[in-house]
């Protein structure tokens, strides 16, 4: 299965500074105790926000600062080894639409500690494995193309320059229970290649006298939202080892995921950098139990609406995953998502509370997002003229 391109995008690495490549080895993350290598894992745990358990922002900011040089080390490593695979005017057939990377924000660190109930620096540094994140967004997500890109990790693992700790191959819930030859249709890499990566890493550890083994979920990690992706947990070894998460997915799914991440945070009381008053207004009826307080069946109204909206979110991801790849172009084309085909609320409730189910259509949410992005750009242009 193939996935189309995010048109005109190249490497986008906030905070990446290639001029600092010669400096990064002089600095390192210092921890009170070393990482427990055998326990570093994605750690699937409940994700409900609990502000009572959140660390303060000063501590979260301190963690970010301590990871600054480590993140630059990761970004440089990825750029050096994979940056040439991004599609450009000169190389339009390259498989990657973009490589993006980020250091987790102070706000996200704070909120995640609340949902996971991690209260110490050591707990956070060891278990919050996505503090440093990298994403390979594929222009052409055919399995052979994805395997070809991932093949570059093989010599890095064999040489000991990189260690593979864990793989989560996320599959849509709709394929659960299907025969493997059908269930694997939505995978990005082939299962055989993932097994090859695991075998090479395990052999490398075994030769070095290490009993550690790669943790894996290759065919049993199903997502309710039908989200398709493969997540890798890697470690750059050395005096100050650095763990980072790599996400592999297609460009169309990535477009939907960006919106869905904001939706998820809105529905679960978390803060998103891309949120705005319009998003908050739209999602209040789905998250605020008091919104329909005057209705005798208030809980049922919200429950039904949430179930319908979650169903739609899953349909959007499947719609995006089935799209075919488009040729590279400098100009980004507008993404068209699956329209919302049904009402979330009864007609009388929509009229009474001035609601519109059309507000929850991903196309509408994307328009709001694009409009909010254009405002700062417009302000910046006006400032230049002044």
Protein backbone atom coordinates (compact mmCIF):
# COMPACT_ATOMS: atom_id res chain seq x y z
CA UNK A 1 0.00 0.00 0.00
CA UNK A 2 1.25 3.46 -0.88
CA UNK A 3 0.79 6.83 0.75
CA UNK A 4 0.97 10.26 -0.96
CA UNK A 5 3.33 13.08 -0.19
CA UNK A 6 3.09 16.13 1.98
CA UNK A 7 3.93 18.41 -0.88
CA UNK A 8 7.01 20.58 -0.80
CA UNK A 9 8.18 19.75 2.70
CA UNK A 10 11.79 19.11 3.58
CA UNK A 11 13.66 18.45 6.81
CA UNK A 12 12.11 20.42 9.65
CA UNK A 13 14.04 20.08 12.85
CA UNK A 14 13.17 22.74 15.44
CA UNK A 15 16.20 23.44 17.55
CA UNK A 16 18.54 21.64 15.14
CA UNK A 17 21.80 23.45 14.62
CA UNK A 18 24.23 21.71 12.31
CA UNK A 19 26.96 24.17 13.28
CA UNK A 20 27.00 22.64 16.76
CA UNK A 21 28.00 19.15 15.58
CA UNK A 22 31.57 19.61 16.76
CA UNK A 23 30.42 20.86 20.15
CA UNK A 24 27.84 18.33 21.24
CA UNK A 25 30.28 15.70 22.48
CA UNK A 26 31.68 18.13 25.01
CA UNK A 27 28.38 18.13 26.86
CA UNK A 28 26.26 15.33 28.20
CA UNK A 29 23.26 14.54 30.33
CA UNK A 30 24.27 13.96 33.94
CA UNK A 31 21.93 11.92 36.07
CA UNK A 32 21.90 11.05 39.74
CA UNK A 33 21.94 7.37 38.79
CA UNK A 34 22.59 5.53 35.51
CA UNK A 35 19.76 4.39 33.26
CA UNK A 36 18.50 0.91 34.00
CA UNK A 37 18.95 -0.31 30.42
CA UNK A 38 16.81 -3.43 30.82
CA UNK A 39 13.77 -1.39 31.89
CA UNK A 40 13.82 1.47 29.39
CA UNK A 41 10.57 0.88 27.52
CA UNK A 42 7.59 2.57 25.91
CA UNK A 43 5.71 1.70 29.13
CA UNK A 44 2.07 1.55 28.11
CA UNK A 45 0.16 3.08 31.03
CA UNK A 46 -3.09 5.00 31.61
CA UNK A 47 -3.05 8.45 30.00
CA UNK A 48 -5.71 10.31 31.96
CA UNK A 49 -4.48 13.71 33.12
CA UNK A 50 -4.14 14.11 36.87
CA UNK A 51 -2.89 17.55 37.86
CA UNK A 52 -2.34 16.44 41.44
CA UNK A 53 0.60 14.32 40.26
CA UNK A 54 2.13 16.84 37.86
CA UNK A 55 5.66 18.08 38.55
CA UNK A 56 6.13 21.83 38.58
CA UNK A 57 7.14 23.64 35.41
CA UNK A 58 10.50 24.70 36.85
CA UNK A 59 11.54 21.06 37.19
CA UNK A 60 10.18 20.22 33.73
CA UNK A 61 12.13 23.16 32.29
CA UNK A 62 15.25 21.93 34.03
CA UNK A 63 14.83 18.47 32.48
CA UNK A 64 14.49 20.05 29.04
CA UNK A 65 17.64 22.10 29.52
CA UNK A 66 19.60 19.05 30.61
CA UNK A 67 18.49 17.25 27.45
CA UNK A 68 19.31 20.10 25.08
CA UNK A 69 22.79 18.92 24.08
CA UNK A 70 21.63 15.28 23.97
CA UNK A 71 18.82 16.18 21.58
CA UNK A 72 21.27 17.95 19.29
CA UNK A 73 23.38 14.81 19.28
CA UNK A 74 20.35 12.75 18.16
CA UNK A 75 19.26 15.26 15.52
CA UNK A 76 22.79 15.44 14.08
CA UNK A 77 23.03 11.65 14.00
CA UNK A 78 19.72 11.31 12.12
CA UNK A 79 20.52 14.14 9.71
CA UNK A 80 23.95 12.70 8.91
CA UNK A 81 22.61 9.21 8.21
CA UNK A 82 19.18 9.85 6.68
CA UNK A 83 18.94 13.50 5.62
CA UNK A 84 19.76 12.72 1.98
CA UNK A 85 16.61 10.58 1.64
CA UNK A 86 14.22 13.55 1.80
CA UNK A 87 12.55 14.40 -1.53
CA UNK A 88 13.76 17.63 -3.15
CA UNK A 89 13.54 19.26 -6.58
CA UNK A 90 16.80 17.56 -7.48
CA UNK A 91 15.74 14.18 -6.05
CA UNK A 92 11.92 14.12 -6.32
CA UNK A 93 11.73 10.32 -6.11
CA UNK A 94 13.31 10.12 -2.66
CA UNK A 95 11.00 8.22 -0.29
CA UNK A 96 10.77 10.70 2.61
CA UNK A 97 8.53 13.77 2.54
CA UNK A 98 10.32 15.10 5.60
CA UNK A 99 12.21 14.26 8.75
CA UNK A 100 10.95 16.13 11.79
CA UNK A 101 12.39 16.16 15.27
CA UNK A 102 11.56 17.75 18.58
CA UNK A 103 12.46 17.96 22.24
CA UNK A 104 9.31 17.49 24.35
CA UNK A 105 7.87 20.80 25.54
CA UNK A 106 7.84 21.87 29.18
CA UNK A 107 4.03 21.75 29.22
CA UNK A 108 3.91 18.24 27.72
CA UNK A 109 6.47 16.96 30.22
CA UNK A 110 4.43 18.41 33.08
CA UNK A 111 1.13 16.92 31.87
CA UNK A 112 2.58 13.51 31.08
CA UNK A 113 4.02 13.16 34.58
CA UNK A 114 0.49 13.72 35.88
CA UNK A 115 -0.99 10.94 33.75
CA UNK A 116 1.85 8.51 34.50
CA UNK A 117 2.43 9.56 38.13
CA UNK A 118 6.19 9.92 37.72
CA UNK A 119 7.46 12.34 40.35
CA UNK A 120 11.27 12.10 40.38
CA UNK A 121 13.82 13.17 37.79
CA UNK A 122 15.19 9.63 37.57
CA UNK A 123 11.72 8.20 36.90
CA UNK A 124 11.03 10.76 34.20
CA UNK A 125 14.40 10.40 32.49
CA UNK A 126 14.17 6.62 32.49
CA UNK A 127 10.53 6.06 31.58
CA UNK A 128 9.50 9.10 29.50
CA UNK A 129 11.08 7.67 26.39
CA UNK A 130 9.64 10.26 24.00
CA UNK A 131 11.45 13.23 25.56
CA UNK A 132 13.49 13.28 22.35
CA UNK A 133 11.46 12.37 19.30
CA UNK A 134 12.17 11.92 15.59
CA UNK A 135 9.67 11.23 12.84
CA UNK A 136 10.20 9.78 9.36
CA UNK A 137 7.26 10.92 7.23
CA UNK A 138 7.17 8.89 4.04
CA UNK A 139 6.22 10.44 0.71
CA UNK A 140 6.04 6.94 -0.73
CA UNK A 141 5.13 4.44 2.01
CA UNK A 142 5.31 1.27 -0.06
CA UNK A 143 6.74 -1.50 2.15
CA UNK A 144 9.78 -1.93 -0.08
CA UNK A 145 10.55 1.81 0.22
CA UNK A 146 10.13 1.77 4.00
CA UNK A 147 12.28 -1.34 4.37
CA UNK A 148 14.89 0.30 2.16
CA UNK A 149 15.14 3.33 4.43
CA UNK A 150 15.20 1.25 7.62
CA UNK A 151 17.94 -0.91 6.10
CA UNK A 152 20.31 1.97 6.83
CA UNK A 153 19.97 1.15 10.52
CA UNK A 154 21.51 -2.30 10.03
CA UNK A 155 25.19 -1.24 9.71
CA UNK A 156 24.70 1.26 12.53
CA UNK A 157 23.44 -1.51 14.82
CA UNK A 158 26.15 -3.95 13.72
CA UNK A 159 28.89 -1.41 14.36
CA UNK A 160 27.53 -0.56 17.82
CA UNK A 161 26.86 3.07 16.90
CA UNK A 162 23.18 2.56 17.71
CA UNK A 163 21.10 0.14 19.79
CA UNK A 164 17.53 -0.95 19.06
CA UNK A 165 15.61 -1.31 22.33
CA UNK A 166 11.99 -1.81 21.32
CA UNK A 167 9.54 -1.90 18.41
CA UNK A 168 5.80 -1.19 18.52
CA UNK A 169 4.10 -1.92 15.22
CA UNK A 170 0.77 -0.14 15.61
CA UNK A 171 -2.10 -1.63 13.65
CA UNK A 172 -5.68 -0.39 13.15
CA UNK A 173 -8.22 -2.11 15.37
CA UNK A 174 -10.31 -3.04 12.31
CA UNK A 175 -7.76 -5.72 11.31
CA UNK A 176 -7.78 -7.49 14.68
CA UNK A 177 -8.74 -11.12 14.22
CA UNK A 178 -7.99 -11.16 10.49
CA UNK A 179 -5.48 -13.62 9.01
CA UNK A 180 -1.92 -12.26 9.13
CA UNK A 181 -1.71 -11.79 5.35
CA UNK A 182 -4.67 -9.38 5.64
CA UNK A 183 -3.75 -7.80 8.99
CA UNK A 184 -0.34 -6.73 7.70
CA UNK A 185 -1.74 -4.74 4.77
CA UNK A 186 -1.64 -1.49 6.71
CA UNK A 187 1.87 -1.99 8.16
CA UNK A 188 4.58 0.36 6.94
CA UNK A 189 7.65 -1.91 7.26
CA UNK A 190 7.41 -5.61 6.52
CA UNK A 191 7.29 -7.90 9.55
CA UNK A 192 10.18 -9.91 8.10
CA UNK A 193 12.39 -6.84 8.03
CA UNK A 194 11.49 -5.87 11.59
CA UNK A 195 12.41 -9.41 12.68
CA UNK A 196 15.72 -9.01 10.85
CA UNK A 197 16.49 -5.80 12.77
CA UNK A 198 15.65 -7.52 16.05
CA UNK A 199 17.78 -10.57 15.26
CA UNK A 200 20.80 -8.44 14.35
CA UNK A 201 20.54 -6.39 17.55
CA UNK A 202 20.09 -9.47 19.74
CA UNK A 203 23.10 -11.15 18.10
CA UNK A 204 25.17 -8.01 18.64
CA UNK A 205 24.31 -7.96 22.35
CA UNK A 206 24.90 -11.70 22.66
CA UNK A 207 28.42 -11.40 21.17
CA UNK A 208 29.17 -8.70 23.71
CA UNK A 209 28.02 -10.87 26.58
CA UNK A 210 24.83 -8.87 27.18
CA UNK A 211 21.62 -10.75 28.03
CA UNK A 212 19.35 -7.90 26.96
CA UNK A 213 16.85 -8.55 24.17
CA UNK A 214 14.80 -6.26 21.97
CA UNK A 215 11.23 -5.89 23.23
CA UNK A 216 8.65 -6.18 20.48
CA UNK A 217 4.96 -5.89 19.64
CA UNK A 218 4.85 -6.72 15.95
CA UNK A 219 1.37 -8.14 15.44
CA UNK A 220 -0.60 -7.50 18.63
CA UNK A 221 -0.56 -3.72 19.10
CA UNK A 222 -3.98 -2.52 17.90
CA UNK A 223 -5.12 1.10 18.22
CA UNK A 224 -8.75 2.01 18.84
CA UNK A 225 -8.38 5.06 16.58
CA UNK A 226 -7.07 2.90 13.71
CA UNK A 227 -3.80 4.82 13.85
CA UNK A 228 -1.14 3.17 11.67
CA UNK A 229 2.56 3.66 12.43
CA UNK A 230 5.68 1.89 13.65
CA UNK A 231 7.46 3.24 16.74
CA UNK A 232 11.08 2.41 17.48
CA UNK A 233 13.00 3.03 20.67
CA UNK A 234 16.70 3.56 20.00
CA UNK A 235 19.71 4.40 22.15
CA UNK A 236 22.91 6.17 21.18
CA UNK A 237 25.52 4.46 23.39
CA UNK A 238 28.53 6.14 24.97
CA UNK A 239 29.57 7.78 28.19
CA UNK A 240 26.20 9.52 28.34
CA UNK A 241 23.71 7.23 26.52
CA UNK A 242 20.75 8.97 24.86
CA UNK A 243 17.41 7.26 24.27
CA UNK A 244 15.03 8.56 21.61
CA UNK A 245 11.82 7.52 19.93
CA UNK A 246 11.45 7.24 16.15
CA UNK A 247 8.00 7.23 14.53
CA UNK A 248 7.57 5.87 11.01
CA UNK A 249 4.38 6.72 9.13
CA UNK A 250 3.02 7.99 5.81
CA UNK A 251 2.43 11.63 4.98
CA UNK A 252 -1.37 11.39 4.82
CA UNK A 253 -1.67 9.64 8.16
CA UNK A 254 0.74 12.23 9.56
CA UNK A 255 -1.59 15.03 8.43
CA UNK A 256 -4.50 13.41 10.24
CA UNK A 257 -2.37 12.60 13.28
CA UNK A 258 -1.43 16.26 13.71
CA UNK A 259 -5.09 17.24 13.98
CA UNK A 260 -6.01 14.19 16.05
CA UNK A 261 -3.26 14.94 18.58
CA UNK A 262 -4.85 18.35 19.21
CA UNK A 263 -8.29 16.74 19.42
CA UNK A 264 -7.00 14.14 21.89
CA UNK A 265 -5.55 16.83 24.15
CA UNK A 266 -8.72 18.91 23.97
CA UNK A 267 -10.86 15.92 24.92
CA UNK A 268 -8.56 14.93 27.80
CA UNK A 269 -7.94 18.34 29.38
CA UNK A 270 -4.37 18.68 28.13
CA UNK A 271 -2.66 21.72 26.64
CA UNK A 272 -1.69 21.83 22.97
CA UNK A 273 0.59 24.44 21.42
CA UNK A 274 -1.75 24.49 18.39
CA UNK A 275 -4.95 24.84 20.37
CA UNK A 276 -6.95 28.07 20.15
CA UNK A 277 -10.25 29.47 21.48
CA UNK A 278 -12.19 28.05 18.52
CA UNK A 279 -10.99 24.50 19.22
CA UNK A 280 -11.78 24.93 22.90
CA UNK A 281 -15.31 26.14 22.06
CA UNK A 282 -15.96 23.26 19.67
CA UNK A 283 -14.87 20.51 22.06
CA UNK A 284 -16.40 21.83 25.27
CA UNK A 285 -19.70 19.91 24.73
CA UNK A 286 -17.72 16.65 24.43
CA UNK A 287 -15.59 17.10 27.54
CA UNK A 288 -17.63 19.28 29.95
CA UNK A 289 -20.14 17.17 31.89
CA UNK A 290 -21.97 20.34 32.92
CA UNK A 291 -22.57 21.58 29.37
CA UNK A 292 -25.92 19.75 29.11
CA UNK A 293 -26.69 20.00 32.84
CA UNK A 294 -30.29 21.01 32.14
CA UNK A 295 -30.95 17.87 30.12
CA UNK A 296 -32.23 14.78 31.98
CA UNK A 297 -30.17 12.54 29.67
CA UNK A 298 -27.03 14.73 29.67
CA UNK A 299 -24.61 11.85 30.21
CA UNK A 300 -26.16 9.86 27.38
CA UNK A 301 -25.92 12.85 25.00
CA UNK A 302 -22.20 13.25 25.66
CA UNK A 303 -21.51 9.50 25.64
CA UNK A 304 -23.26 9.00 22.29
CA UNK A 305 -21.58 12.02 20.73
CA UNK A 306 -18.13 10.89 21.90
CA UNK A 307 -18.69 7.38 20.56
CA UNK A 308 -19.77 8.72 17.16
CA UNK A 309 -16.85 11.13 17.01
CA UNK A 310 -14.34 8.43 17.98
CA UNK A 311 -15.80 6.21 15.26
CA UNK A 312 -15.33 9.03 12.76
CA UNK A 313 -11.72 9.59 13.88
CA UNK A 314 -11.02 5.92 13.17
CA UNK A 315 -12.62 6.22 9.73
CA UNK A 316 -10.46 9.25 8.95
CA UNK A 317 -7.25 7.34 9.71
CA UNK A 318 -8.30 4.44 7.47
CA UNK A 319 -9.25 6.86 4.70
CA UNK A 320 -5.85 8.54 4.94
CA UNK A 321 -3.94 5.24 5.02
CA UNK A 322 -5.60 4.01 1.82
CA UNK A 323 -4.55 7.03 -0.24
CA UNK A 324 -2.01 6.61 -3.01
CA UNK A 325 1.28 8.60 -3.12
CA UNK A 326 1.52 11.78 -5.16
CA UNK A 327 4.62 12.98 -7.03
CA UNK A 328 6.91 15.45 -5.31
CA UNK A 329 6.08 19.14 -5.74
CA UNK A 330 7.41 22.31 -4.17
CA UNK A 331 3.88 23.56 -3.70
CA UNK A 332 1.90 22.00 -0.88
CA UNK A 333 -1.59 20.89 -1.87
CA UNK A 334 -4.57 21.10 0.44
CA UNK A 335 -5.32 17.86 2.28
CA UNK A 336 -8.86 16.56 1.85
CA UNK A 337 -10.08 14.41 4.72
CA UNK A 338 -13.09 12.13 4.91
CA UNK A 339 -16.15 14.34 5.59
CA UNK A 340 -18.11 13.68 8.77
CA UNK A 341 -21.06 11.63 7.43
CA UNK A 342 -23.42 11.82 10.40
CA UNK A 343 -24.62 14.07 13.21
CA UNK A 344 -23.05 13.78 16.64
CA UNK A 345 -25.98 15.38 18.48
CA UNK A 346 -29.77 15.12 18.06
CA UNK A 347 -31.21 17.93 15.91
CA UNK A 348 -33.18 19.47 18.78
CA UNK A 349 -30.04 19.60 20.95
CA UNK A 350 -28.05 21.24 18.14
CA UNK A 351 -30.71 23.92 17.72
CA UNK A 352 -31.16 24.50 21.46
CA UNK A 353 -27.42 24.84 22.20
CA UNK A 354 -26.42 26.35 18.83
CA UNK A 355 -24.18 23.40 17.97
CA UNK A 356 -23.17 22.08 14.57
CA UNK A 357 -21.79 18.63 13.96
CA UNK A 358 -20.01 20.06 10.90
CA UNK A 359 -17.61 21.77 13.33
CA UNK A 360 -16.13 18.34 14.11
CA UNK A 361 -15.35 17.51 10.49
CA UNK A 362 -11.55 17.14 10.10
CA UNK A 363 -11.69 19.40 7.03
CA UNK A 364 -13.21 22.16 9.15
CA UNK A 365 -10.76 21.58 12.00
CA UNK A 366 -7.90 21.75 9.50
CA UNK A 367 -9.20 25.07 8.14
CA UNK A 368 -9.21 26.51 11.66
CA UNK A 369 -5.68 25.25 12.20
CA UNK A 370 -4.39 26.66 8.91
CA UNK A 371 -6.06 30.00 9.58
CA UNK A 372 -4.51 30.25 13.04
CA UNK A 373 -1.07 29.55 11.53
CA UNK A 374 -1.48 32.30 8.97
CA UNK A 375 -2.19 34.99 11.58
CA UNK A 376 1.37 35.08 13.02
CA UNK A 377 2.79 35.03 9.47
CA UNK A 378 0.61 37.97 8.48
CA UNK A 379 1.57 39.87 11.62
CA UNK A 380 5.26 39.25 10.92
CA UNK A 381 4.92 40.58 7.34
CA UNK A 382 3.08 43.68 8.58
CA UNK A 383 5.80 44.31 11.18
CA UNK A 384 8.46 44.14 8.46
CA UNK A 385 6.62 46.75 6.36
CA UNK A 386 6.39 49.07 9.38
